[in-house]
Amino acid sequence: MLSLAGAPGSAANAAPTRAFPEDARKTTITFAPAGAVLLDDEPVPLSPGAQIRDRANRIVLPSHIRGEYKVRVKFDNQGQVHRVWILTPEEAAVPDPKR
């Protein structure tokens, strides 16, 4: 019997989809020096414990990322950027859930 579990294009090789919190806002972010980011061209500080995840869901240090990205973002109680998920093209194409 032939197993397709390792065959190219099988479900086993498909990229896992990430589940984002419902309140994670989809937006465009620009990472700049000095611990601040631009959200829709408005400066917003990163929280002291900010966590940024790249397209492969790995944690990235704010000092190691520059440029503009489509993201999902969550804020802390002070309105600072607290969690960021950089979206893959497929994730960016998914419409926001209805609220």
N, C-alpha and C. Protein backbone atom coordinates (compact mmCIF):
# COMPACT_ATOMS: atom_id res chain seq x y z
N MET A 1 0.84 -1.18 0.00
CA MET A 1 0.00 0.00 0.00
C MET A 1 0.89 1.24 0.00
N LEU A 2 0.53 2.22 -0.79
CA LEU A 2 1.31 3.43 -0.94
C LEU A 2 0.78 4.51 -0.01
N SER A 3 1.66 5.17 0.70
CA SER A 3 1.27 6.25 1.60
C SER A 3 1.51 7.59 0.92
N LEU A 4 0.55 8.46 1.01
CA LEU A 4 0.69 9.79 0.42
C LEU A 4 1.06 10.84 1.45
N ALA A 5 1.34 10.40 2.68
CA ALA A 5 1.62 11.36 3.76
C ALA A 5 2.82 12.25 3.44
N GLY A 6 3.81 11.75 2.77
CA GLY A 6 4.99 12.54 2.47
C GLY A 6 5.04 13.05 1.05
N ALA A 7 3.99 12.81 0.28
CA ALA A 7 3.98 13.21 -1.12
C ALA A 7 3.88 14.73 -1.25
N PRO A 8 4.60 15.31 -2.22
CA PRO A 8 4.50 16.75 -2.43
C PRO A 8 3.05 17.14 -2.71
N GLY A 9 2.64 18.25 -2.09
CA GLY A 9 1.29 18.74 -2.30
C GLY A 9 0.27 18.10 -1.39
N SER A 10 0.69 17.16 -0.55
CA SER A 10 -0.26 16.54 0.37
C SER A 10 -0.55 17.45 1.54
N ALA A 11 -1.59 17.14 2.28
CA ALA A 11 -1.97 17.95 3.43
C ALA A 11 -0.85 18.00 4.46
N ALA A 12 -0.04 16.96 4.54
CA ALA A 12 1.06 16.94 5.51
C ALA A 12 2.10 18.01 5.20
N ASN A 13 2.24 18.39 3.93
CA ASN A 13 3.22 19.40 3.54
C ASN A 13 2.63 20.79 3.43
N ALA A 14 1.34 20.92 3.61
CA ALA A 14 0.70 22.23 3.50
C ALA A 14 1.15 23.12 4.66
N ALA A 15 1.31 24.39 4.38
CA ALA A 15 1.71 25.33 5.42
C ALA A 15 0.58 25.45 6.44
N PRO A 16 0.92 25.37 7.72
CA PRO A 16 -0.13 25.50 8.72
C PRO A 16 -0.70 26.93 8.71
N THR A 17 -1.97 27.02 8.97
CA THR A 17 -2.58 28.34 9.05
C THR A 17 -2.54 28.80 10.49
N ARG A 18 -2.30 30.07 10.67
CA ARG A 18 -2.23 30.63 12.02
C ARG A 18 -3.60 31.16 12.41
N ALA A 19 -3.94 30.97 13.64
CA ALA A 19 -5.18 31.53 14.18
C ALA A 19 -4.83 32.84 14.88
N PHE A 20 -5.47 33.92 14.45
CA PHE A 20 -5.21 35.22 15.05
C PHE A 20 -6.34 35.56 16.02
N PRO A 21 -6.04 36.29 17.09
CA PRO A 21 -7.11 36.73 17.98
C PRO A 21 -8.12 37.57 17.19
N GLU A 22 -9.39 37.44 17.55
CA GLU A 22 -10.44 38.18 16.83
C GLU A 22 -10.23 39.68 16.87
N ASP A 23 -9.63 40.19 17.95
CA ASP A 23 -9.44 41.63 18.07
C ASP A 23 -8.10 42.10 17.51
N ALA A 24 -7.37 41.25 16.82
CA ALA A 24 -6.12 41.65 16.18
C ALA A 24 -6.45 42.37 14.89
N ARG A 25 -6.12 43.64 14.85
CA ARG A 25 -6.48 44.51 13.72
C ARG A 25 -5.54 44.27 12.53
N LYS A 26 -6.11 44.20 11.33
CA LYS A 26 -5.30 44.09 10.12
C LYS A 26 -4.96 45.50 9.67
N THR A 27 -3.67 45.74 9.41
CA THR A 27 -3.22 47.07 9.03
C THR A 27 -1.87 46.98 8.33
N THR A 28 -1.32 48.10 8.00
CA THR A 28 0.03 48.18 7.44
C THR A 28 0.93 48.81 8.49
N ILE A 29 2.09 48.21 8.70
CA ILE A 29 3.03 48.71 9.70
C ILE A 29 4.37 48.99 9.02
N THR A 30 5.03 50.04 9.48
CA THR A 30 6.38 50.35 9.04
C THR A 30 7.27 50.34 10.26
N PHE A 31 8.29 49.48 10.24
CA PHE A 31 9.24 49.40 11.34
C PHE A 31 10.34 50.42 11.10
N ALA A 32 10.62 51.23 12.12
CA ALA A 32 11.64 52.26 12.04
C ALA A 32 12.54 52.16 13.26
N PRO A 33 13.68 52.83 13.24
CA PRO A 33 14.57 52.79 14.41
C PRO A 33 13.91 53.44 15.64
N ALA A 34 14.52 53.25 16.78
CA ALA A 34 14.15 53.90 18.04
C ALA A 34 12.90 53.33 18.71
N GLY A 35 12.53 52.08 18.42
CA GLY A 35 11.45 51.44 19.16
C GLY A 35 10.05 51.92 18.84
N ALA A 36 9.89 52.63 17.75
CA ALA A 36 8.55 53.08 17.34
C ALA A 36 8.21 52.47 15.99
N VAL A 37 6.94 52.41 15.72
CA VAL A 37 6.47 51.94 14.42
C VAL A 37 5.45 52.94 13.89
N LEU A 38 5.20 52.86 12.60
CA LEU A 38 4.14 53.67 11.99
C LEU A 38 3.01 52.73 11.62
N LEU A 39 1.82 53.02 12.14
CA LEU A 39 0.61 52.29 11.77
C LEU A 39 -0.24 53.24 10.95
N ASP A 40 -0.45 52.90 9.70
CA ASP A 40 -1.19 53.78 8.80
C ASP A 40 -0.63 55.20 8.86
N ASP A 41 0.70 55.30 8.84
CA ASP A 41 1.45 56.56 8.84
C ASP A 41 1.38 57.35 10.15
N GLU A 42 0.87 56.76 11.23
CA GLU A 42 0.84 57.41 12.55
C GLU A 42 1.86 56.71 13.46
N PRO A 43 2.75 57.49 14.14
CA PRO A 43 3.71 56.85 15.04
C PRO A 43 3.03 56.27 16.28
N VAL A 44 3.40 55.05 16.63
CA VAL A 44 2.87 54.35 17.80
C VAL A 44 4.06 53.65 18.46
N PRO A 45 4.23 53.78 19.78
CA PRO A 45 5.36 53.09 20.42
C PRO A 45 5.11 51.59 20.56
N LEU A 46 6.19 50.85 20.60
CA LEU A 46 6.12 49.43 20.92
C LEU A 46 6.09 49.30 22.44
N SER A 47 5.32 48.35 22.94
CA SER A 47 5.31 48.10 24.38
C SER A 47 6.65 47.50 24.80
N PRO A 48 7.00 47.61 26.08
CA PRO A 48 8.28 47.04 26.54
C PRO A 48 8.41 45.54 26.24
N GLY A 49 7.32 44.80 26.25
CA GLY A 49 7.36 43.36 25.97
C GLY A 49 6.82 43.00 24.61
N ALA A 50 6.91 43.91 23.66
CA ALA A 50 6.34 43.68 22.32
C ALA A 50 6.92 42.41 21.70
N GLN A 51 6.04 41.67 21.03
CA GLN A 51 6.44 40.43 20.37
C GLN A 51 6.06 40.54 18.90
N ILE A 52 7.03 40.35 18.03
CA ILE A 52 6.82 40.41 16.59
C ILE A 52 7.09 39.03 16.02
N ARG A 53 6.14 38.51 15.26
CA ARG A 53 6.31 37.19 14.62
C ARG A 53 6.37 37.38 13.11
N ASP A 54 7.34 36.73 12.48
CA ASP A 54 7.49 36.83 11.04
C ASP A 54 6.51 35.90 10.32
N ARG A 55 6.63 35.81 9.02
CA ARG A 55 5.70 34.99 8.22
C ARG A 55 5.79 33.50 8.55
N ALA A 56 6.93 33.07 9.11
CA ALA A 56 7.10 31.67 9.51
C ALA A 56 6.77 31.48 10.99
N ASN A 57 6.20 32.50 11.62
CA ASN A 57 5.77 32.49 13.02
C ASN A 57 6.93 32.47 14.01
N ARG A 58 8.10 32.89 13.55
CA ARG A 58 9.27 33.00 14.43
C ARG A 58 9.29 34.38 15.06
N ILE A 59 9.76 34.47 16.30
CA ILE A 59 9.88 35.77 16.97
C ILE A 59 11.06 36.52 16.37
N VAL A 60 10.83 37.81 16.05
CA VAL A 60 11.84 38.67 15.46
C VAL A 60 12.06 39.86 16.40
N LEU A 61 13.30 40.21 16.63
CA LEU A 61 13.59 41.37 17.47
C LEU A 61 13.28 42.65 16.70
N PRO A 62 12.69 43.64 17.37
CA PRO A 62 12.37 44.90 16.68
C PRO A 62 13.59 45.56 16.04
N SER A 63 14.76 45.37 16.64
CA SER A 63 15.98 45.97 16.09
C SER A 63 16.46 45.28 14.81
N HIS A 64 15.87 44.13 14.47
CA HIS A 64 16.31 43.37 13.30
C HIS A 64 15.33 43.42 12.13
N ILE A 65 14.37 44.32 12.19
CA ILE A 65 13.38 44.37 11.11
C ILE A 65 13.16 45.82 10.69
N ARG A 66 13.12 46.04 9.40
CA ARG A 66 12.87 47.36 8.82
C ARG A 66 11.93 47.19 7.64
N GLY A 67 11.19 48.24 7.33
CA GLY A 67 10.35 48.23 6.15
C GLY A 67 8.88 48.17 6.47
N GLU A 68 8.08 48.07 5.41
CA GLU A 68 6.62 48.10 5.52
C GLU A 68 6.06 46.70 5.28
N TYR A 69 5.07 46.32 6.11
CA TYR A 69 4.47 44.99 6.03
C TYR A 69 2.97 45.06 6.29
N LYS A 70 2.24 44.10 5.72
CA LYS A 70 0.84 43.87 6.08
C LYS A 70 0.86 42.99 7.32
N VAL A 71 0.11 43.38 8.35
CA VAL A 71 0.18 42.68 9.64
C VAL A 71 -1.18 42.59 10.30
N ARG A 72 -1.23 41.77 11.34
CA ARG A 72 -2.29 41.81 12.35
C ARG A 72 -1.60 42.31 13.60
N VAL A 73 -2.26 43.18 14.34
CA VAL A 73 -1.63 43.81 15.50
C VAL A 73 -2.61 43.88 16.67
N LYS A 74 -2.07 43.70 17.87
CA LYS A 74 -2.83 43.87 19.11
C LYS A 74 -2.13 44.93 19.94
N PHE A 75 -2.92 45.65 20.72
CA PHE A 75 -2.41 46.74 21.55
C PHE A 75 -2.53 46.37 23.02
N ASP A 76 -1.67 46.97 23.85
CA ASP A 76 -1.80 46.78 25.29
C ASP A 76 -2.76 47.83 25.86
N ASN A 77 -2.91 47.87 27.17
CA ASN A 77 -3.87 48.79 27.81
C ASN A 77 -3.50 50.26 27.66
N GLN A 78 -2.24 50.55 27.34
CA GLN A 78 -1.80 51.93 27.14
C GLN A 78 -1.83 52.35 25.68
N GLY A 79 -2.31 51.48 24.81
CA GLY A 79 -2.39 51.80 23.39
C GLY A 79 -1.09 51.58 22.64
N GLN A 80 -0.12 50.90 23.27
CA GLN A 80 1.14 50.59 22.60
C GLN A 80 1.00 49.27 21.84
N VAL A 81 1.79 49.14 20.76
CA VAL A 81 1.79 47.91 19.98
C VAL A 81 2.39 46.80 20.84
N HIS A 82 1.62 45.73 21.06
CA HIS A 82 2.06 44.67 21.96
C HIS A 82 2.36 43.35 21.23
N ARG A 83 1.55 42.98 20.25
CA ARG A 83 1.75 41.75 19.48
C ARG A 83 1.58 42.08 18.00
N VAL A 84 2.49 41.56 17.17
CA VAL A 84 2.45 41.78 15.72
C VAL A 84 2.68 40.45 15.03
N TRP A 85 1.85 40.16 14.05
CA TRP A 85 2.02 38.99 13.18
C TRP A 85 2.18 39.51 11.76
N ILE A 86 3.37 39.33 11.15
CA ILE A 86 3.57 39.72 9.76
C ILE A 86 2.87 38.67 8.91
N LEU A 87 2.00 39.14 8.02
CA LEU A 87 1.14 38.24 7.25
C LEU A 87 1.81 37.72 5.99
N THR A 88 1.51 36.48 5.68
CA THR A 88 1.90 35.92 4.38
C THR A 88 0.94 36.53 3.35
N PRO A 89 1.26 36.45 2.06
CA PRO A 89 0.32 36.96 1.05
C PRO A 89 -1.06 36.31 1.16
N GLU A 90 -1.11 35.01 1.49
CA GLU A 90 -2.39 34.31 1.62
C GLU A 90 -3.18 34.84 2.82
N GLU A 91 -2.49 35.08 3.94
CA GLU A 91 -3.17 35.61 5.13
C GLU A 91 -3.64 37.04 4.90
N ALA A 92 -2.86 37.82 4.18
CA ALA A 92 -3.24 39.21 3.89
C ALA A 92 -4.47 39.27 3.00
N ALA A 93 -4.67 38.26 2.16
CA ALA A 93 -5.81 38.24 1.24
C ALA A 93 -7.12 37.85 1.91
N VAL A 94 -7.05 37.27 3.09
CA VAL A 94 -8.27 36.85 3.80
C VAL A 94 -8.96 38.08 4.37
N PRO A 95 -10.26 38.25 4.08
CA PRO A 95 -10.96 39.43 4.62
C PRO A 95 -11.11 39.36 6.15
N ASP A 96 -11.23 40.51 6.76
CA ASP A 96 -11.44 40.58 8.21
C ASP A 96 -12.76 39.92 8.55
N PRO A 97 -12.81 39.25 9.72
CA PRO A 97 -14.10 38.69 10.14
C PRO A 97 -15.09 39.79 10.44
N LYS A 98 -16.36 39.52 10.21
CA LYS A 98 -17.41 40.51 10.52
C LYS A 98 -17.54 40.64 12.01
N ARG A 99 -17.67 41.85 12.46
CA ARG A 99 -17.81 42.09 13.91
C ARG A 99 -19.16 42.64 14.22
